[in-house]
Amino acid sequence: MHPSVWAAGLIGAVAIALSPGLAAMSQGMDHAHALVMAPGSHTLFLGTHNGMLQSKDEGRSWVAVPLPEGLKGIDVMALVADPSNPQVLYAGTHERGVLRSRDGGKTWDEVNSGLGGRDVHGLTIDPNRPKVLHAGVVGKGIYRTTNEGAKWIRVDDGPGDAEVKALASVNIPTGMGGIFLYAGTPTGLLRNPDCF
């Protein structure tokens, strides 16, 4: 790995620090919302206000991810990767719900059946069961799929008046199955056991 770049997982998210080249790299990265690293690779995906970018060299260079005509320039609010398959990625978007790629980001499909809205700001994948995802839909609550997005069901109202800005599914050993959902909101961090 290049000495000026490091990445580390934290509660299902990826943090990245870049050295002085950050200013040069940030050109074309308008209003970044989300970052994920495909498991077992050095490939990063960055969700922005105007689409998605990809880096295959640990963040030293970025290229636009090709999206279907109707999705170009979409506001990508959240990104998650299947921990068991680096080819499977999901994106939560501001106006088109959840997108899924099964080929490492080359093609994307909408997977919104049952989702109560198309403004998804929080998205997380269960670290133990990667077919299970949760989505925070603005003003509509928390939705869950158990089949990779084929069908979503509403499972919770969400954190009241607060908008979910980020979701994380965390494995904490307990007698209840061990998965907790964390929701980052403008008013703070909330935690709920995934026992809906």
N, C-alpha and C. Protein backbone atom coordinates (compact mmCIF):
# COMPACT_ATOMS: atom_id res chain seq x y z
N MET A 1 0.85 -1.18 0.00
CA MET A 1 0.00 0.00 0.00
C MET A 1 0.89 1.24 0.00
N HIS A 2 0.49 2.23 -0.73
CA HIS A 2 1.23 3.49 -0.80
C HIS A 2 1.29 4.11 0.59
N PRO A 3 2.48 4.61 1.04
CA PRO A 3 2.60 5.12 2.40
C PRO A 3 1.76 6.35 2.71
N SER A 4 1.26 7.04 1.70
CA SER A 4 0.48 8.25 1.99
C SER A 4 -1.02 7.97 2.07
N VAL A 5 -1.42 6.73 1.92
CA VAL A 5 -2.84 6.39 1.94
C VAL A 5 -3.07 5.26 2.94
N TRP A 6 -4.08 5.40 3.79
CA TRP A 6 -4.46 4.29 4.65
C TRP A 6 -5.97 4.20 4.71
N ALA A 7 -6.45 3.00 4.89
CA ALA A 7 -7.89 2.81 5.02
C ALA A 7 -8.14 1.82 6.13
N ALA A 8 -9.19 2.03 6.90
CA ALA A 8 -9.51 1.14 7.99
C ALA A 8 -11.01 1.03 8.14
N GLY A 9 -11.50 -0.16 8.47
CA GLY A 9 -12.92 -0.34 8.70
C GLY A 9 -13.30 0.05 10.10
N LEU A 10 -14.44 0.70 10.27
CA LEU A 10 -14.94 1.09 11.57
C LEU A 10 -16.45 1.06 11.52
N ILE A 11 -17.04 0.14 12.27
CA ILE A 11 -18.49 -0.01 12.32
C ILE A 11 -19.08 -0.10 10.90
N GLY A 12 -18.46 -0.94 10.08
CA GLY A 12 -19.00 -1.17 8.76
C GLY A 12 -18.70 -0.07 7.76
N ALA A 13 -18.00 0.96 8.16
CA ALA A 13 -17.68 2.06 7.26
C ALA A 13 -16.19 2.03 6.95
N VAL A 14 -15.77 2.82 6.02
CA VAL A 14 -14.36 2.90 5.68
C VAL A 14 -13.92 4.34 5.85
N ALA A 15 -12.80 4.51 6.54
CA ALA A 15 -12.22 5.85 6.67
C ALA A 15 -10.96 5.88 5.83
N ILE A 16 -10.69 7.01 5.22
CA ILE A 16 -9.49 7.12 4.38
C ILE A 16 -8.80 8.44 4.67
N ALA A 17 -7.49 8.37 4.77
CA ALA A 17 -6.69 9.58 4.95
C ALA A 17 -5.74 9.69 3.78
N LEU A 18 -5.64 10.86 3.24
CA LEU A 18 -4.78 11.08 2.09
C LEU A 18 -3.75 12.13 2.43
N SER A 19 -2.57 12.01 1.89
CA SER A 19 -1.51 12.97 2.13
C SER A 19 -1.68 14.22 1.28
N PRO A 20 -0.67 15.06 1.13
CA PRO A 20 -0.83 16.35 0.46
C PRO A 20 -1.48 16.31 -0.92
N GLY A 21 -1.54 15.18 -1.57
CA GLY A 21 -2.17 15.10 -2.88
C GLY A 21 -3.68 15.24 -2.84
N LEU A 22 -4.27 15.36 -1.66
CA LEU A 22 -5.73 15.42 -1.52
C LEU A 22 -6.34 16.54 -2.35
N ALA A 23 -5.76 17.72 -2.33
CA ALA A 23 -6.34 18.84 -3.07
C ALA A 23 -6.43 18.52 -4.56
N ALA A 24 -5.39 17.92 -5.11
CA ALA A 24 -5.40 17.59 -6.53
C ALA A 24 -6.42 16.51 -6.82
N MET A 25 -6.54 15.52 -5.92
CA MET A 25 -7.47 14.43 -6.15
C MET A 25 -8.91 14.85 -5.99
N SER A 26 -9.18 15.88 -5.22
CA SER A 26 -10.56 16.23 -4.93
C SER A 26 -11.24 16.95 -6.10
N GLN A 27 -10.49 17.31 -7.12
CA GLN A 27 -11.11 17.95 -8.28
C GLN A 27 -12.09 16.98 -8.91
N GLY A 28 -13.31 17.42 -9.12
CA GLY A 28 -14.34 16.56 -9.69
C GLY A 28 -15.10 15.76 -8.65
N MET A 29 -14.73 15.88 -7.37
CA MET A 29 -15.41 15.17 -6.30
C MET A 29 -16.34 16.16 -5.60
N ASP A 30 -17.43 16.49 -6.24
CA ASP A 30 -18.35 17.47 -5.73
C ASP A 30 -19.20 16.89 -4.60
N HIS A 31 -19.02 17.41 -3.40
CA HIS A 31 -19.87 17.07 -2.26
C HIS A 31 -19.90 15.56 -2.02
N ALA A 32 -18.81 15.00 -1.52
CA ALA A 32 -18.72 13.56 -1.26
C ALA A 32 -19.62 13.17 -0.09
N HIS A 33 -20.37 12.07 -0.26
CA HIS A 33 -21.28 11.57 0.77
C HIS A 33 -20.83 10.24 1.36
N ALA A 34 -20.27 9.36 0.55
CA ALA A 34 -20.04 7.98 1.01
C ALA A 34 -18.77 7.42 0.39
N LEU A 35 -18.15 6.50 1.12
CA LEU A 35 -16.94 5.84 0.66
C LEU A 35 -16.98 4.39 1.11
N VAL A 36 -16.63 3.48 0.22
CA VAL A 36 -16.55 2.07 0.58
C VAL A 36 -15.39 1.43 -0.18
N MET A 37 -14.77 0.45 0.47
CA MET A 37 -13.71 -0.32 -0.18
C MET A 37 -14.25 -1.72 -0.44
N ALA A 38 -14.13 -2.19 -1.67
CA ALA A 38 -14.56 -3.55 -1.99
C ALA A 38 -13.67 -4.52 -1.22
N PRO A 39 -14.26 -5.49 -0.51
CA PRO A 39 -13.49 -6.42 0.31
C PRO A 39 -12.44 -7.18 -0.52
N GLY A 40 -11.27 -7.34 0.07
CA GLY A 40 -10.22 -8.12 -0.57
C GLY A 40 -9.57 -7.44 -1.75
N SER A 41 -9.77 -6.14 -1.90
CA SER A 41 -9.18 -5.43 -3.03
C SER A 41 -8.72 -4.05 -2.57
N HIS A 42 -8.15 -3.31 -3.46
CA HIS A 42 -7.77 -1.93 -3.18
C HIS A 42 -8.68 -0.96 -3.94
N THR A 43 -9.86 -1.45 -4.33
CA THR A 43 -10.79 -0.64 -5.10
C THR A 43 -11.71 0.13 -4.17
N LEU A 44 -11.74 1.44 -4.35
CA LEU A 44 -12.60 2.33 -3.58
C LEU A 44 -13.71 2.87 -4.47
N PHE A 45 -14.89 3.06 -3.87
CA PHE A 45 -16.01 3.71 -4.54
C PHE A 45 -16.40 4.91 -3.69
N LEU A 46 -16.61 6.04 -4.34
CA LEU A 46 -16.96 7.28 -3.66
C LEU A 46 -18.29 7.78 -4.21
N GLY A 47 -19.26 7.95 -3.32
CA GLY A 47 -20.56 8.50 -3.70
C GLY A 47 -20.54 10.01 -3.54
N THR A 48 -20.95 10.72 -4.59
CA THR A 48 -20.92 12.18 -4.57
C THR A 48 -22.29 12.76 -4.94
N HIS A 49 -22.35 14.07 -4.89
CA HIS A 49 -23.56 14.80 -5.25
C HIS A 49 -23.88 14.65 -6.74
N ASN A 50 -22.90 14.23 -7.52
CA ASN A 50 -23.08 14.11 -8.98
C ASN A 50 -22.68 12.74 -9.51
N GLY A 51 -22.98 11.68 -8.78
CA GLY A 51 -22.68 10.35 -9.25
C GLY A 51 -21.68 9.61 -8.38
N MET A 52 -20.93 8.71 -9.02
CA MET A 52 -20.03 7.85 -8.30
C MET A 52 -18.67 7.83 -8.98
N LEU A 53 -17.63 7.74 -8.16
CA LEU A 53 -16.27 7.63 -8.67
C LEU A 53 -15.64 6.34 -8.16
N GLN A 54 -14.63 5.85 -8.88
CA GLN A 54 -13.96 4.61 -8.51
C GLN A 54 -12.45 4.83 -8.61
N SER A 55 -11.73 4.25 -7.65
CA SER A 55 -10.27 4.26 -7.68
C SER A 55 -9.77 2.83 -7.53
N LYS A 56 -8.89 2.43 -8.41
CA LYS A 56 -8.30 1.09 -8.32
C LYS A 56 -6.85 1.15 -7.85
N ASP A 57 -6.40 2.35 -7.44
CA ASP A 57 -5.01 2.51 -6.99
C ASP A 57 -4.94 3.18 -5.62
N GLU A 58 -5.82 2.75 -4.71
CA GLU A 58 -5.84 3.23 -3.33
C GLU A 58 -6.12 4.72 -3.20
N GLY A 59 -6.83 5.29 -4.15
CA GLY A 59 -7.25 6.68 -4.06
C GLY A 59 -6.34 7.68 -4.73
N ARG A 60 -5.29 7.23 -5.41
CA ARG A 60 -4.40 8.17 -6.08
C ARG A 60 -5.03 8.77 -7.34
N SER A 61 -5.91 8.00 -8.00
CA SER A 61 -6.62 8.53 -9.17
C SER A 61 -8.05 8.00 -9.14
N TRP A 62 -8.94 8.76 -9.76
CA TRP A 62 -10.37 8.45 -9.73
C TRP A 62 -10.95 8.56 -11.13
N VAL A 63 -11.92 7.69 -11.44
CA VAL A 63 -12.66 7.76 -12.70
C VAL A 63 -14.15 7.65 -12.38
N ALA A 64 -14.97 8.23 -13.23
CA ALA A 64 -16.42 8.16 -13.05
C ALA A 64 -16.89 6.73 -13.27
N VAL A 65 -17.80 6.27 -12.42
CA VAL A 65 -18.42 4.96 -12.59
C VAL A 65 -19.51 5.11 -13.64
N PRO A 66 -19.48 4.27 -14.69
CA PRO A 66 -20.52 4.39 -15.72
C PRO A 66 -21.88 3.96 -15.16
N LEU A 67 -22.84 4.85 -15.25
CA LEU A 67 -24.20 4.57 -14.80
C LEU A 67 -25.14 4.63 -15.99
N PRO A 68 -26.25 3.90 -15.93
CA PRO A 68 -27.23 3.95 -17.03
C PRO A 68 -27.70 5.39 -17.27
N GLU A 69 -28.14 5.66 -18.46
CA GLU A 69 -28.52 7.02 -18.88
C GLU A 69 -29.41 7.72 -17.86
N GLY A 70 -30.41 7.07 -17.34
CA GLY A 70 -31.33 7.69 -16.40
C GLY A 70 -30.74 7.93 -15.02
N LEU A 71 -29.56 7.39 -14.75
CA LEU A 71 -28.95 7.53 -13.43
C LEU A 71 -27.71 8.41 -13.43
N LYS A 72 -27.29 8.91 -14.57
CA LYS A 72 -26.09 9.76 -14.62
C LYS A 72 -26.31 11.01 -13.79
N GLY A 73 -25.31 11.37 -13.01
CA GLY A 73 -25.38 12.56 -12.17
C GLY A 73 -26.23 12.41 -10.93
N ILE A 74 -26.61 11.18 -10.59
CA ILE A 74 -27.46 10.94 -9.42
C ILE A 74 -26.69 11.22 -8.13
N ASP A 75 -27.40 11.66 -7.11
CA ASP A 75 -26.83 11.97 -5.81
C ASP A 75 -26.70 10.67 -5.01
N VAL A 76 -25.48 10.15 -4.85
CA VAL A 76 -25.23 8.89 -4.14
C VAL A 76 -24.94 9.21 -2.68
N MET A 77 -25.85 8.81 -1.79
CA MET A 77 -25.79 9.17 -0.38
C MET A 77 -25.11 8.11 0.49
N ALA A 78 -25.16 6.83 0.09
CA ALA A 78 -24.60 5.75 0.91
C ALA A 78 -24.09 4.64 0.00
N LEU A 79 -23.02 3.99 0.43
CA LEU A 79 -22.46 2.85 -0.30
C LEU A 79 -22.11 1.74 0.67
N VAL A 80 -22.42 0.50 0.29
CA VAL A 80 -21.99 -0.66 1.07
C VAL A 80 -21.55 -1.76 0.12
N ALA A 81 -20.66 -2.61 0.62
CA ALA A 81 -20.15 -3.73 -0.16
C ALA A 81 -20.46 -5.03 0.58
N ASP A 82 -20.77 -6.07 -0.17
CA ASP A 82 -20.99 -7.39 0.39
C ASP A 82 -19.65 -7.88 0.96
N PRO A 83 -19.58 -8.18 2.27
CA PRO A 83 -18.31 -8.60 2.85
C PRO A 83 -17.80 -9.95 2.34
N SER A 84 -18.68 -10.73 1.72
CA SER A 84 -18.27 -12.06 1.25
C SER A 84 -18.06 -12.10 -0.27
N ASN A 85 -18.41 -11.01 -0.97
CA ASN A 85 -18.29 -11.00 -2.42
C ASN A 85 -17.97 -9.59 -2.90
N PRO A 86 -16.72 -9.32 -3.28
CA PRO A 86 -16.34 -7.97 -3.68
C PRO A 86 -17.02 -7.48 -4.96
N GLN A 87 -17.71 -8.35 -5.66
CA GLN A 87 -18.42 -7.94 -6.88
C GLN A 87 -19.78 -7.31 -6.59
N VAL A 88 -20.31 -7.52 -5.37
CA VAL A 88 -21.66 -7.04 -5.03
C VAL A 88 -21.56 -5.75 -4.21
N LEU A 89 -22.15 -4.70 -4.76
CA LEU A 89 -22.17 -3.38 -4.14
C LEU A 89 -23.58 -2.83 -4.16
N TYR A 90 -23.88 -1.97 -3.18
CA TYR A 90 -25.18 -1.31 -3.11
C TYR A 90 -24.96 0.18 -2.92
N ALA A 91 -25.86 0.98 -3.49
CA ALA A 91 -25.82 2.43 -3.34
C ALA A 91 -27.19 2.94 -2.94
N GLY A 92 -27.24 3.77 -1.90
CA GLY A 92 -28.45 4.47 -1.52
C GLY A 92 -28.41 5.84 -2.18
N THR A 93 -29.49 6.21 -2.85
CA THR A 93 -29.49 7.46 -3.61
C THR A 93 -30.56 8.42 -3.12
N HIS A 94 -30.39 9.67 -3.50
CA HIS A 94 -31.30 10.73 -3.07
C HIS A 94 -32.64 10.67 -3.79
N GLU A 95 -32.67 10.16 -4.99
CA GLU A 95 -33.94 10.19 -5.73
C GLU A 95 -34.31 8.90 -6.46
N ARG A 96 -33.46 7.88 -6.40
CA ARG A 96 -33.76 6.63 -7.12
C ARG A 96 -33.69 5.39 -6.22
N GLY A 97 -33.73 5.56 -4.91
CA GLY A 97 -33.76 4.43 -4.00
C GLY A 97 -32.43 3.72 -3.90
N VAL A 98 -32.49 2.39 -3.96
CA VAL A 98 -31.28 1.57 -3.81
C VAL A 98 -30.89 0.98 -5.16
N LEU A 99 -29.61 1.07 -5.46
CA LEU A 99 -29.04 0.46 -6.66
C LEU A 99 -28.15 -0.69 -6.24
N ARG A 100 -28.09 -1.74 -7.09
CA ARG A 100 -27.23 -2.89 -6.80
C ARG A 100 -26.38 -3.21 -8.02
N SER A 101 -25.12 -3.53 -7.77
CA SER A 101 -24.23 -4.02 -8.81
C SER A 101 -23.75 -5.41 -8.40
N ARG A 102 -23.76 -6.32 -9.34
CA ARG A 102 -23.26 -7.68 -9.09
C ARG A 102 -21.98 -7.97 -9.86
N ASP A 103 -21.43 -6.91 -10.48
CA ASP A 103 -20.23 -7.10 -11.30
C ASP A 103 -19.15 -6.06 -10.98
N GLY A 104 -19.02 -5.72 -9.70
CA GLY A 104 -17.98 -4.81 -9.28
C GLY A 104 -18.17 -3.37 -9.72
N GLY A 105 -19.41 -2.96 -9.95
CA GLY A 105 -19.70 -1.58 -10.30
C GLY A 105 -19.79 -1.29 -11.79
N LYS A 106 -19.70 -2.32 -12.63
CA LYS A 106 -19.80 -2.10 -14.08
C LYS A 106 -21.22 -1.78 -14.50
N THR A 107 -22.20 -2.49 -13.92
CA THR A 107 -23.61 -2.25 -14.22
C THR A 107 -24.39 -2.13 -12.91
N TRP A 108 -25.50 -1.39 -12.97
CA TRP A 108 -26.31 -1.13 -11.78
C TRP A 108 -27.79 -1.31 -12.11
N ASP A 109 -28.53 -1.88 -11.16
CA ASP A 109 -29.97 -2.05 -11.28
C ASP A 109 -30.64 -1.45 -10.06
N GLU A 110 -31.85 -0.93 -10.23
CA GLU A 110 -32.65 -0.45 -9.11
C GLU A 110 -33.29 -1.65 -8.42
N VAL A 111 -33.23 -1.69 -7.09
CA VAL A 111 -33.84 -2.77 -6.30
C VAL A 111 -34.70 -2.12 -5.21
N ASN A 112 -35.92 -1.72 -5.60
CA ASN A 112 -36.76 -0.90 -4.73
C ASN A 112 -38.12 -1.49 -4.40
N SER A 113 -38.40 -2.73 -4.76
CA SER A 113 -39.71 -3.31 -4.52
C SER A 113 -40.04 -3.31 -3.02
N GLY A 114 -41.11 -2.62 -2.65
CA GLY A 114 -41.54 -2.54 -1.26
C GLY A 114 -40.95 -1.38 -0.49
N LEU A 115 -39.95 -0.72 -1.04
CA LEU A 115 -39.31 0.42 -0.37
C LEU A 115 -40.30 1.59 -0.37
N GLY A 116 -40.48 2.22 0.78
CA GLY A 116 -41.50 3.26 0.94
C GLY A 116 -41.20 4.60 0.31
N GLY A 117 -40.02 4.76 -0.23
CA GLY A 117 -39.64 6.02 -0.86
C GLY A 117 -38.33 5.85 -1.60
N ARG A 118 -37.91 6.87 -2.29
CA ARG A 118 -36.69 6.78 -3.11
C ARG A 118 -35.56 7.66 -2.58
N ASP A 119 -35.74 8.25 -1.39
CA ASP A 119 -34.71 9.11 -0.81
C ASP A 119 -34.01 8.34 0.31
N VAL A 120 -32.98 7.58 -0.05
CA VAL A 120 -32.28 6.69 0.88
C VAL A 120 -30.94 7.33 1.26
N HIS A 121 -30.86 7.76 2.52
CA HIS A 121 -29.63 8.40 2.99
C HIS A 121 -28.77 7.44 3.81
N GLY A 122 -29.34 6.40 4.36
CA GLY A 122 -28.59 5.43 5.15
C GLY A 122 -28.79 4.04 4.59
N LEU A 123 -27.71 3.27 4.51
CA LEU A 123 -27.77 1.91 3.98
C LEU A 123 -26.69 1.09 4.67
N THR A 124 -27.04 -0.12 5.09
CA THR A 124 -26.05 -0.99 5.73
C THR A 124 -26.33 -2.44 5.38
N ILE A 125 -25.28 -3.25 5.48
CA ILE A 125 -25.38 -4.68 5.18
C ILE A 125 -25.01 -5.46 6.44
N ASP A 126 -25.73 -6.54 6.71
CA ASP A 126 -25.46 -7.37 7.87
C ASP A 126 -24.13 -8.09 7.67
N PRO A 127 -23.17 -7.94 8.59
CA PRO A 127 -21.86 -8.56 8.40
C PRO A 127 -21.89 -10.09 8.46
N ASN A 128 -22.92 -10.66 9.08
CA ASN A 128 -23.03 -12.12 9.18
C ASN A 128 -23.89 -12.74 8.09
N ARG A 129 -24.85 -11.96 7.60
CA ARG A 129 -25.80 -12.42 6.58
C ARG A 129 -25.88 -11.37 5.49
N PRO A 130 -24.98 -11.42 4.50
CA PRO A 130 -24.90 -10.33 3.52
C PRO A 130 -26.10 -10.17 2.59
N LYS A 131 -27.07 -11.08 2.66
CA LYS A 131 -28.30 -10.88 1.88
C LYS A 131 -29.26 -9.95 2.60
N VAL A 132 -28.94 -9.63 3.87
CA VAL A 132 -29.79 -8.78 4.70
C VAL A 132 -29.21 -7.36 4.71
N LEU A 133 -30.03 -6.40 4.29
CA LEU A 133 -29.64 -4.99 4.30
C LEU A 133 -30.73 -4.18 4.98
N HIS A 134 -30.37 -3.03 5.51
CA HIS A 134 -31.31 -2.06 6.05
C HIS A 134 -31.11 -0.74 5.33
N ALA A 135 -32.21 -0.04 5.09
CA ALA A 135 -32.16 1.26 4.42
C ALA A 135 -32.95 2.27 5.25
N GLY A 136 -32.36 3.44 5.43
CA GLY A 136 -33.05 4.55 6.07
C GLY A 136 -33.65 5.43 4.99
N VAL A 137 -34.99 5.43 4.90
CA VAL A 137 -35.69 6.21 3.87
C VAL A 137 -36.21 7.48 4.53
N VAL A 138 -35.82 8.62 4.01
CA VAL A 138 -36.17 9.91 4.60
C VAL A 138 -37.68 10.04 4.75
N GLY A 139 -38.11 10.28 5.99
CA GLY A 139 -39.52 10.50 6.28
C GLY A 139 -40.38 9.25 6.26
N LYS A 140 -39.81 8.07 5.99
CA LYS A 140 -40.61 6.85 5.86
C LYS A 140 -40.20 5.75 6.82
N GLY A 141 -39.01 5.83 7.44
CA GLY A 141 -38.59 4.82 8.40
C GLY A 141 -37.44 3.95 7.91
N ILE A 142 -37.29 2.82 8.62
CA ILE A 142 -36.22 1.86 8.32
C ILE A 142 -36.84 0.66 7.63
N TYR A 143 -36.21 0.25 6.54
CA TYR A 143 -36.67 -0.90 5.76
C TYR A 143 -35.59 -1.98 5.75
N ARG A 144 -36.02 -3.23 5.64
CA ARG A 144 -35.08 -4.35 5.60
C ARG A 144 -35.40 -5.26 4.42
N THR A 145 -34.35 -5.78 3.82
CA THR A 145 -34.48 -6.83 2.82
C THR A 145 -33.69 -8.03 3.30
N THR A 146 -34.19 -9.21 3.03
CA THR A 146 -33.46 -10.44 3.39
C THR A 146 -33.02 -11.18 2.13
N ASN A 147 -33.20 -10.55 0.97
CA ASN A 147 -32.89 -11.22 -0.30
C ASN A 147 -32.19 -10.27 -1.28
N GLU A 148 -31.20 -9.56 -0.78
CA GLU A 148 -30.34 -8.70 -1.61
C GLU A 148 -31.11 -7.58 -2.32
N GLY A 149 -32.18 -7.12 -1.72
CA GLY A 149 -32.92 -6.00 -2.30
C GLY A 149 -34.09 -6.38 -3.17
N ALA A 150 -34.34 -7.67 -3.37
CA ALA A 150 -35.46 -8.08 -4.22
C ALA A 150 -36.80 -7.61 -3.64
N LYS A 151 -36.93 -7.59 -2.31
CA LYS A 151 -38.16 -7.14 -1.65
C LYS A 151 -37.79 -6.51 -0.31
N TRP A 152 -38.29 -5.29 -0.08
CA TRP A 152 -38.06 -4.57 1.16
C TRP A 152 -39.34 -4.55 1.99
N ILE A 153 -39.20 -4.59 3.32
CA ILE A 153 -40.34 -4.42 4.22
C ILE A 153 -39.98 -3.36 5.27
N ARG A 154 -40.98 -2.60 5.66
CA ARG A 154 -40.77 -1.57 6.69
C ARG A 154 -40.71 -2.26 8.05
N VAL A 155 -39.66 -1.95 8.83
CA VAL A 155 -39.49 -2.61 10.12
C VAL A 155 -39.47 -1.66 11.31
N ASP A 156 -39.36 -0.35 11.05
CA ASP A 156 -39.28 0.59 12.17
C ASP A 156 -39.58 2.00 11.67
N ASP A 157 -40.08 2.85 12.59
CA ASP A 157 -40.34 4.25 12.26
C ASP A 157 -39.06 5.04 12.03
N GLY A 158 -37.97 4.55 12.57
CA GLY A 158 -36.73 5.32 12.52
C GLY A 158 -36.65 6.22 13.73
N PRO A 159 -35.66 7.09 13.77
CA PRO A 159 -35.42 7.91 14.98
C PRO A 159 -36.29 9.16 15.08
N GLY A 160 -37.59 9.01 15.03
CA GLY A 160 -38.48 10.16 15.22
C GLY A 160 -38.32 11.21 14.14
N ASP A 161 -38.16 12.45 14.58
CA ASP A 161 -38.04 13.57 13.64
C ASP A 161 -36.67 13.65 12.97
N ALA A 162 -35.68 12.95 13.51
CA ALA A 162 -34.32 13.05 13.00
C ALA A 162 -34.15 12.25 11.70
N GLU A 163 -33.48 12.85 10.74
CA GLU A 163 -33.19 12.19 9.48
C GLU A 163 -31.98 11.28 9.65
N VAL A 164 -32.08 10.04 9.17
CA VAL A 164 -30.96 9.11 9.22
C VAL A 164 -29.96 9.53 8.15
N LYS A 165 -28.76 9.90 8.57
CA LYS A 165 -27.69 10.30 7.66
C LYS A 165 -26.76 9.13 7.35
N ALA A 166 -26.68 8.17 8.28
CA ALA A 166 -25.82 7.00 8.10
C ALA A 166 -26.37 5.85 8.91
N LEU A 167 -26.22 4.64 8.40
CA LEU A 167 -26.61 3.43 9.11
C LEU A 167 -25.41 2.49 9.15
N ALA A 168 -25.29 1.75 10.24
CA ALA A 168 -24.26 0.72 10.35
C ALA A 168 -24.86 -0.48 11.06
N SER A 169 -24.57 -1.66 10.56
CA SER A 169 -24.99 -2.92 11.15
C SER A 169 -23.76 -3.52 11.82
N VAL A 170 -23.80 -3.63 13.16
CA VAL A 170 -22.61 -3.99 13.92
C VAL A 170 -22.85 -5.30 14.67
N ASN A 171 -21.89 -6.20 14.58
CA ASN A 171 -21.96 -7.48 15.27
C ASN A 171 -21.38 -7.33 16.67
N ILE A 172 -22.25 -7.34 17.69
CA ILE A 172 -21.83 -7.28 19.08
C ILE A 172 -22.35 -8.55 19.75
N PRO A 173 -21.47 -9.42 20.26
CA PRO A 173 -21.91 -10.68 20.86
C PRO A 173 -22.87 -10.44 22.03
N THR A 174 -24.10 -10.93 21.87
CA THR A 174 -25.12 -10.86 22.92
C THR A 174 -25.96 -12.11 22.82
N GLY A 175 -26.88 -12.25 23.72
CA GLY A 175 -27.80 -13.39 23.67
C GLY A 175 -28.94 -13.16 22.70
N MET A 176 -28.99 -11.99 22.05
CA MET A 176 -30.09 -11.64 21.16
C MET A 176 -29.71 -11.78 19.69
N GLY A 177 -28.62 -12.39 19.37
CA GLY A 177 -28.23 -12.54 17.99
C GLY A 177 -27.05 -11.66 17.61
N GLY A 178 -26.82 -10.60 18.36
CA GLY A 178 -25.60 -9.84 18.23
C GLY A 178 -25.56 -8.71 17.22
N ILE A 179 -26.59 -8.50 16.42
CA ILE A 179 -26.54 -7.43 15.44
C ILE A 179 -27.30 -6.22 15.97
N PHE A 180 -26.61 -5.08 15.98
CA PHE A 180 -27.22 -3.81 16.36
C PHE A 180 -27.17 -2.87 15.17
N LEU A 181 -28.22 -2.08 15.02
CA LEU A 181 -28.24 -1.03 14.01
C LEU A 181 -27.90 0.28 14.68
N TYR A 182 -26.93 0.99 14.14
CA TYR A 182 -26.58 2.32 14.59
C TYR A 182 -27.06 3.30 13.53
N ALA A 183 -27.68 4.37 13.97
CA ALA A 183 -28.15 5.41 13.05
C ALA A 183 -27.49 6.72 13.42
N GLY A 184 -26.77 7.30 12.47
CA GLY A 184 -26.20 8.62 12.65
C GLY A 184 -27.22 9.65 12.18
N THR A 185 -27.56 10.59 13.06
CA THR A 185 -28.56 11.62 12.74
C THR A 185 -27.99 12.99 13.09
N PRO A 186 -28.66 14.06 12.65
CA PRO A 186 -28.19 15.40 13.03
C PRO A 186 -28.20 15.63 14.54
N THR A 187 -28.99 14.83 15.27
CA THR A 187 -29.07 15.02 16.73
C THR A 187 -28.18 14.06 17.50
N GLY A 188 -27.49 13.13 16.83
CA GLY A 188 -26.59 12.22 17.52
C GLY A 188 -26.64 10.81 16.96
N LEU A 189 -26.03 9.90 17.70
CA LEU A 189 -25.94 8.50 17.32
C LEU A 189 -26.95 7.69 18.12
N LEU A 190 -27.75 6.89 17.43
CA LEU A 190 -28.76 6.06 18.09
C LEU A 190 -28.44 4.59 17.83
N ARG A 191 -28.80 3.73 18.77
CA ARG A 191 -28.53 2.29 18.63
C ARG A 191 -29.80 1.51 18.92
N ASN A 192 -30.04 0.46 18.13
CA ASN A 192 -31.22 -0.37 18.30
C ASN A 192 -30.84 -1.81 17.95
N PRO A 193 -31.24 -2.79 18.80
CA PRO A 193 -30.97 -4.17 18.40
C PRO A 193 -31.79 -4.55 17.17
N ASP A 194 -31.21 -5.30 16.27
CA ASP A 194 -31.93 -5.74 15.07
C ASP A 194 -32.75 -6.97 15.43
N CYS A 195 -33.83 -6.73 16.16
CA CYS A 195 -34.70 -7.84 16.53
C CYS A 195 -36.13 -7.52 16.12
N PHE A 196 -36.26 -6.78 15.01
CA PHE A 196 -37.57 -6.39 14.51
C PHE A 196 -38.37 -7.61 14.11
